[in-house]
């Protein structure tokens, strides 16, 4: 297995399972109602906001992997559309998981030499750093989602 395939595998595992933490986004979001996903606990973000936030960056980097320019701003990364129904929540959840699978497939297709090239601009570092950053970012927020879910279902 080459390095890009391994990175894609690691990315898939945080989204769909099989990692050593035994926790993943898909399982943590399964069976959550839209009311649970949008419930605010103290000053914490909602689960829906965190899912949108994680997917915001995956979607931005996905566009770069598709040959487009990077178009993301931190200030917009929590600005999710309103969720007023189970359908709205399912659309967000499905988009995050669909984008994740597409992202993983594009990582697998990258030539390994691309990992050592600058990502968009030198200030962002190399592809390797950015791809692992997305994985780390997802794990970080997955932990928050898991804790908030426990609080909601306790």
C-alpha atoms as a PDB file:
ATOM      1  CA  UNK A   1       0.000   0.000   0.000  1.00  0.00           C
ATOM      2  CA  UNK A   2       1.449   3.360  -0.962  1.00  0.00           C
ATOM      3  CA  UNK A   3       1.422   6.444   1.240  1.00  0.00           C
ATOM      4  CA  UNK A   4      -1.539   8.182  -0.409  1.00  0.00           C
ATOM      5  CA  UNK A   5      -3.626   5.015  -0.046  1.00  0.00           C
ATOM      6  CA  UNK A   6      -2.661   4.862   3.630  1.00  0.00           C
ATOM      7  CA  UNK A   7      -3.634   8.507   4.190  1.00  0.00           C
ATOM      8  CA  UNK A   8      -6.969   7.884   2.436  1.00  0.00           C
ATOM      9  CA  UNK A   9      -7.519   4.837   4.670  1.00  0.00           C
ATOM     10  CA  UNK A  10      -6.798   6.890   7.789  1.00  0.00           C
ATOM     11  CA  UNK A  11      -9.187   9.601   6.603  1.00  0.00           C
ATOM     12  CA  UNK A  12     -11.926   7.044   5.877  1.00  0.00           C
ATOM     13  CA  UNK A  13     -11.497   5.439   9.291  1.00  0.00           C
ATOM     14  CA  UNK A  14     -12.263   8.636  11.213  1.00  0.00           C
ATOM     15  CA  UNK A  15     -15.395   9.040   9.108  1.00  0.00           C
ATOM     16  CA  UNK A  16     -16.597   5.451   8.690  1.00  0.00           C
ATOM     17  CA  UNK A  17     -14.853   3.289  11.292  1.00  0.00           C
ATOM     18  CA  UNK A  18     -12.028   0.825  11.652  1.00  0.00           C
ATOM     19  CA  UNK A  19      -9.600   3.116  13.463  1.00  0.00           C
ATOM     20  CA  UNK A  20      -7.931   2.267  16.749  1.00  0.00           C
ATOM     21  CA  UNK A  21     -10.118   4.753  18.667  1.00  0.00           C
ATOM     22  CA  UNK A  22     -13.213   2.680  17.796  1.00  0.00           C
ATOM     23  CA  UNK A  23     -15.063   5.956  17.198  1.00  0.00           C
ATOM     24  CA  UNK A  24     -16.090   7.515  13.931  1.00  0.00           C
ATOM     25  CA  UNK A  25     -18.300  10.254  12.595  1.00  0.00           C
ATOM     26  CA  UNK A  26     -20.844   8.028  10.832  1.00  0.00           C
ATOM     27  CA  UNK A  27     -21.643   5.936  13.903  1.00  0.00           C
ATOM     28  CA  UNK A  28     -21.759   8.938  16.229  1.00  0.00           C
ATOM     29  CA  UNK A  29     -24.243  10.716  13.957  1.00  0.00           C
ATOM     30  CA  UNK A  30     -26.451   7.687  13.301  1.00  0.00           C
ATOM     31  CA  UNK A  31     -29.874   7.787  14.924  1.00  0.00           C
ATOM     32  CA  UNK A  32     -29.497  11.396  16.086  1.00  0.00           C
ATOM     33  CA  UNK A  33     -32.626  13.448  15.609  1.00  0.00           C
ATOM     34  CA  UNK A  34     -32.455  16.935  14.192  1.00  0.00           C
ATOM     35  CA  UNK A  35     -33.521  18.222  17.608  1.00  0.00           C
ATOM     36  CA  UNK A  36     -30.572  16.497  19.264  1.00  0.00           C
ATOM     37  CA  UNK A  37     -28.188  17.684  16.544  1.00  0.00           C
ATOM     38  CA  UNK A  38     -29.275  21.289  17.079  1.00  0.00           C
ATOM     39  CA  UNK A  39     -29.513  21.291  20.882  1.00  0.00           C
ATOM     40  CA  UNK A  40     -27.175  23.781  22.508  1.00  0.00           C
ATOM     41  CA  UNK A  41     -25.557  22.662  25.759  1.00  0.00           C
ATOM     42  CA  UNK A  42     -24.128  25.571  27.716  1.00  0.00           C
ATOM     43  CA  UNK A  43     -21.545  27.357  25.550  1.00  0.00           C
ATOM     44  CA  UNK A  44     -20.672  24.285  23.444  1.00  0.00           C
ATOM     45  CA  UNK A  45     -21.283  24.162  19.729  1.00  0.00           C
ATOM     46  CA  UNK A  46     -24.160  22.009  18.575  1.00  0.00           C
ATOM     47  CA  UNK A  47     -23.442  18.694  16.900  1.00  0.00           C
ATOM     48  CA  UNK A  48     -24.880  20.101  13.668  1.00  0.00           C
ATOM     49  CA  UNK A  49     -22.514  23.086  13.848  1.00  0.00           C
ATOM     50  CA  UNK A  50     -19.542  20.775  14.405  1.00  0.00           C
ATOM     51  CA  UNK A  51     -20.521  18.519  11.496  1.00  0.00           C
ATOM     52  CA  UNK A  52     -20.858  21.553   9.249  1.00  0.00           C
ATOM     53  CA  UNK A  53     -17.520  22.907  10.494  1.00  0.00           C
ATOM     54  CA  UNK A  54     -15.648  19.660   9.838  1.00  0.00           C
ATOM     55  CA  UNK A  55     -17.235  19.326   6.405  1.00  0.00           C
ATOM     56  CA  UNK A  56     -16.520  22.994   5.591  1.00  0.00           C
ATOM     57  CA  UNK A  57     -12.793  22.254   5.523  1.00  0.00           C
ATOM     58  CA  UNK A  58     -13.150  18.852   3.867  1.00  0.00           C
ATOM     59  CA  UNK A  59     -15.228  20.502   1.120  1.00  0.00           C
ATOM     60  CA  UNK A  60     -12.689  23.304   0.672  1.00  0.00           C
ATOM     61  CA  UNK A  61      -9.745  20.923   0.324  1.00  0.00           C
ATOM     62  CA  UNK A  62     -11.851  18.599  -1.848  1.00  0.00           C
ATOM     63  CA  UNK A  63     -12.172  21.442  -4.356  1.00  0.00           C
ATOM     64  CA  UNK A  64      -8.395  21.854  -4.373  1.00  0.00           C
ATOM     65  CA  UNK A  65      -7.998  18.121  -5.027  1.00  0.00           C
ATOM     66  CA  UNK A  66     -10.384  18.612  -7.964  1.00  0.00           C
ATOM     67  CA  UNK A  67      -8.123  21.314  -9.400  1.00  0.00           C
ATOM     68  CA  UNK A  68      -9.945  24.389  -8.121  1.00  0.00           C
ATOM     69  CA  UNK A  69      -8.469  27.124  -5.965  1.00  0.00           C
ATOM     70  CA  UNK A  70      -8.721  27.155  -2.186  1.00  0.00           C
ATOM     71  CA  UNK A  71     -11.704  29.214  -1.135  1.00  0.00           C
ATOM     72  CA  UNK A  72     -12.233  28.969   2.613  1.00  0.00           C
ATOM     73  CA  UNK A  73     -12.274  31.443   5.429  1.00  0.00           C
ATOM     74  CA  UNK A  74     -12.232  30.467   9.083  1.00  0.00           C
ATOM     75  CA  UNK A  75     -14.839  33.120   9.875  1.00  0.00           C
ATOM     76  CA  UNK A  76     -17.438  31.231   7.783  1.00  0.00           C
ATOM     77  CA  UNK A  77     -16.654  27.727   9.007  1.00  0.00           C
ATOM     78  CA  UNK A  78     -19.516  27.603  11.527  1.00  0.00           C
ATOM     79  CA  UNK A  79     -22.133  29.430   9.414  1.00  0.00           C
ATOM     80  CA  UNK A  80     -24.335  26.465   8.649  1.00  0.00           C
ATOM     81  CA  UNK A  81     -27.758  26.809   7.090  1.00  0.00           C
ATOM     82  CA  UNK A  82     -30.670  26.534   9.505  1.00  0.00           C
ATOM     83  CA  UNK A  83     -31.861  23.051  10.390  1.00  0.00           C
ATOM     84  CA  UNK A  84     -35.612  22.921  10.942  1.00  0.00           C
ATOM     85  CA  UNK A  85     -36.382  19.292  10.169  1.00  0.00           C
ATOM     86  CA  UNK A  86     -35.026  15.769  10.059  1.00  0.00           C
ATOM     87  CA  UNK A  87     -34.613  16.207   6.298  1.00  0.00           C
ATOM     88  CA  UNK A  88     -32.373  19.259   6.839  1.00  0.00           C
ATOM     89  CA  UNK A  89     -30.265  17.314   9.335  1.00  0.00           C
ATOM     90  CA  UNK A  90     -30.051  14.251   7.083  1.00  0.00           C
ATOM     91  CA  UNK A  91     -28.958  16.442   4.165  1.00  0.00           C
ATOM     92  CA  UNK A  92     -26.072  17.855   6.232  1.00  0.00           C
ATOM     93  CA  UNK A  93     -25.082  14.423   7.568  1.00  0.00           C
ATOM     94  CA  UNK A  94     -25.214  12.787   4.126  1.00  0.00           C
ATOM     95  CA  UNK A  95     -23.256  15.646   2.527  1.00  0.00           C
ATOM     96  CA  UNK A  96     -20.490  15.306   5.119  1.00  0.00           C
ATOM     97  CA  UNK A  97     -20.191  11.547   4.588  1.00  0.00           C
ATOM     98  CA  UNK A  98     -20.494  11.741   0.796  1.00  0.00           C
ATOM     99  CA  UNK A  99     -17.842  14.462   0.606  1.00  0.00           C
ATOM    100  CA  UNK A 100     -15.615  12.365   2.885  1.00  0.00           C
ATOM    101  CA  UNK A 101     -15.770   9.351   0.588  1.00  0.00           C
ATOM    102  CA  UNK A 102     -15.108  11.488  -2.483  1.00  0.00           C
ATOM    103  CA  UNK A 103     -12.195  13.155  -0.652  1.00  0.00           C
ATOM    104  CA  UNK A 104     -10.679   9.752   0.213  1.00  0.00           C
ATOM    105  CA  UNK A 105     -10.966   8.561  -3.408  1.00  0.00           C
ATOM    106  CA  UNK A 106      -9.147  11.672  -4.635  1.00  0.00           C
ATOM    107  CA  UNK A 107      -6.373  11.206  -2.061  1.00  0.00           C
ATOM    108  CA  UNK A 108      -5.898   7.639  -3.332  1.00  0.00           C
ATOM    109  CA  UNK A 109      -5.478   8.997  -6.856  1.00  0.00           C
ATOM    110  CA  UNK A 110      -2.788  11.505  -5.905  1.00  0.00           C
ATOM    111  CA  UNK A 111       0.694  10.592  -7.016  1.00  0.00           C
ATOM    112  CA  UNK A 112       2.825  10.195  -3.918  1.00  0.00           C
ATOM    113  CA  UNK A 113       5.179  12.928  -5.143  1.00  0.00           C
ATOM    114  CA  UNK A 114       2.299  15.433  -4.818  1.00  0.00           C
ATOM    115  CA  UNK A 115       2.390  14.999  -1.032  1.00  0.00           C
ATOM    116  CA  UNK A 116       5.670  16.918  -0.869  1.00  0.00           C
ATOM    117  CA  UNK A 117       4.477  19.859  -2.986  1.00  0.00           C
ATOM    118  CA  UNK A 118       3.113  23.110  -1.602  1.00  0.00           C
ATOM    119  CA  UNK A 119      -0.609  23.117  -1.014  1.00  0.00           C
ATOM    120  CA  UNK A 120      -1.922  26.111  -2.994  1.00  0.00           C
ATOM    121  CA  UNK A 121       0.588  28.531  -1.500  1.00  0.00           C
ATOM    122  CA  UNK A 122       3.803  28.032   0.421  1.00  0.00           C
ATOM    123  CA  UNK A 123       2.248  29.576   3.542  1.00  0.00           C
ATOM    124  CA  UNK A 124      -0.100  26.565   3.847  1.00  0.00           C
ATOM    125  CA  UNK A 125       2.707  24.026   3.819  1.00  0.00           C
ATOM    126  CA  UNK A 126       2.697  20.830   1.801  1.00  0.00           C
ATOM    127  CA  UNK A 127      -0.148  18.483   0.832  1.00  0.00           C
ATOM    128  CA  UNK A 128       0.989  15.887   3.380  1.00  0.00           C
ATOM    129  CA  UNK A 129       0.635  18.396   6.224  1.00  0.00           C
ATOM    130  CA  UNK A 130      -2.776  19.580   5.056  1.00  0.00           C
ATOM    131  CA  UNK A 131      -4.220  16.102   4.538  1.00  0.00           C
ATOM    132  CA  UNK A 132      -3.092  15.020   7.989  1.00  0.00           C
ATOM    133  CA  UNK A 133      -4.351  18.311   9.387  1.00  0.00           C
ATOM    134  CA  UNK A 134      -7.832  17.509   8.071  1.00  0.00           C
ATOM    135  CA  UNK A 135      -7.671  14.093   9.759  1.00  0.00           C
ATOM    136  CA  UNK A 136      -6.479  15.599  13.057  1.00  0.00           C
ATOM    137  CA  UNK A 137      -9.153  18.303  12.871  1.00  0.00           C
ATOM    138  CA  UNK A 138     -11.844  15.673  12.318  1.00  0.00           C
ATOM    139  CA  UNK A 139     -10.625  13.576  15.267  1.00  0.00           C
ATOM    140  CA  UNK A 140     -10.614  16.663  17.497  1.00  0.00           C
ATOM    141  CA  UNK A 141     -14.205  17.560  16.679  1.00  0.00           C
ATOM    142  CA  UNK A 142     -15.292  13.907  16.681  1.00  0.00           C
ATOM    143  CA  UNK A 143     -14.306  13.833  20.349  1.00  0.00           C
ATOM    144  CA  UNK A 144     -16.485  16.878  20.998  1.00  0.00           C
ATOM    145  CA  UNK A 145     -19.399  15.315  19.096  1.00  0.00           C
ATOM    146  CA  UNK A 146     -19.097  12.079  21.079  1.00  0.00           C
ATOM    147  CA  UNK A 147     -19.106  13.948  24.402  1.00  0.00           C
ATOM    148  CA  UNK A 148     -22.038  16.178  23.443  1.00  0.00           C
ATOM    149  CA  UNK A 149     -23.968  13.127  22.269  1.00  0.00           C
ATOM    150  CA  UNK A 150     -23.361  11.467  25.637  1.00  0.00           C
ATOM    151  CA  UNK A 151     -24.615  14.583  27.400  1.00  0.00           C
ATOM    152  CA  UNK A 152     -27.727  14.647  25.230  1.00  0.00           C
ATOM    153  CA  UNK A 153     -28.553  10.978  25.661  1.00  0.00           C
ATOM    154  CA  UNK A 154     -27.679  10.669  29.388  1.00  0.00           C
END
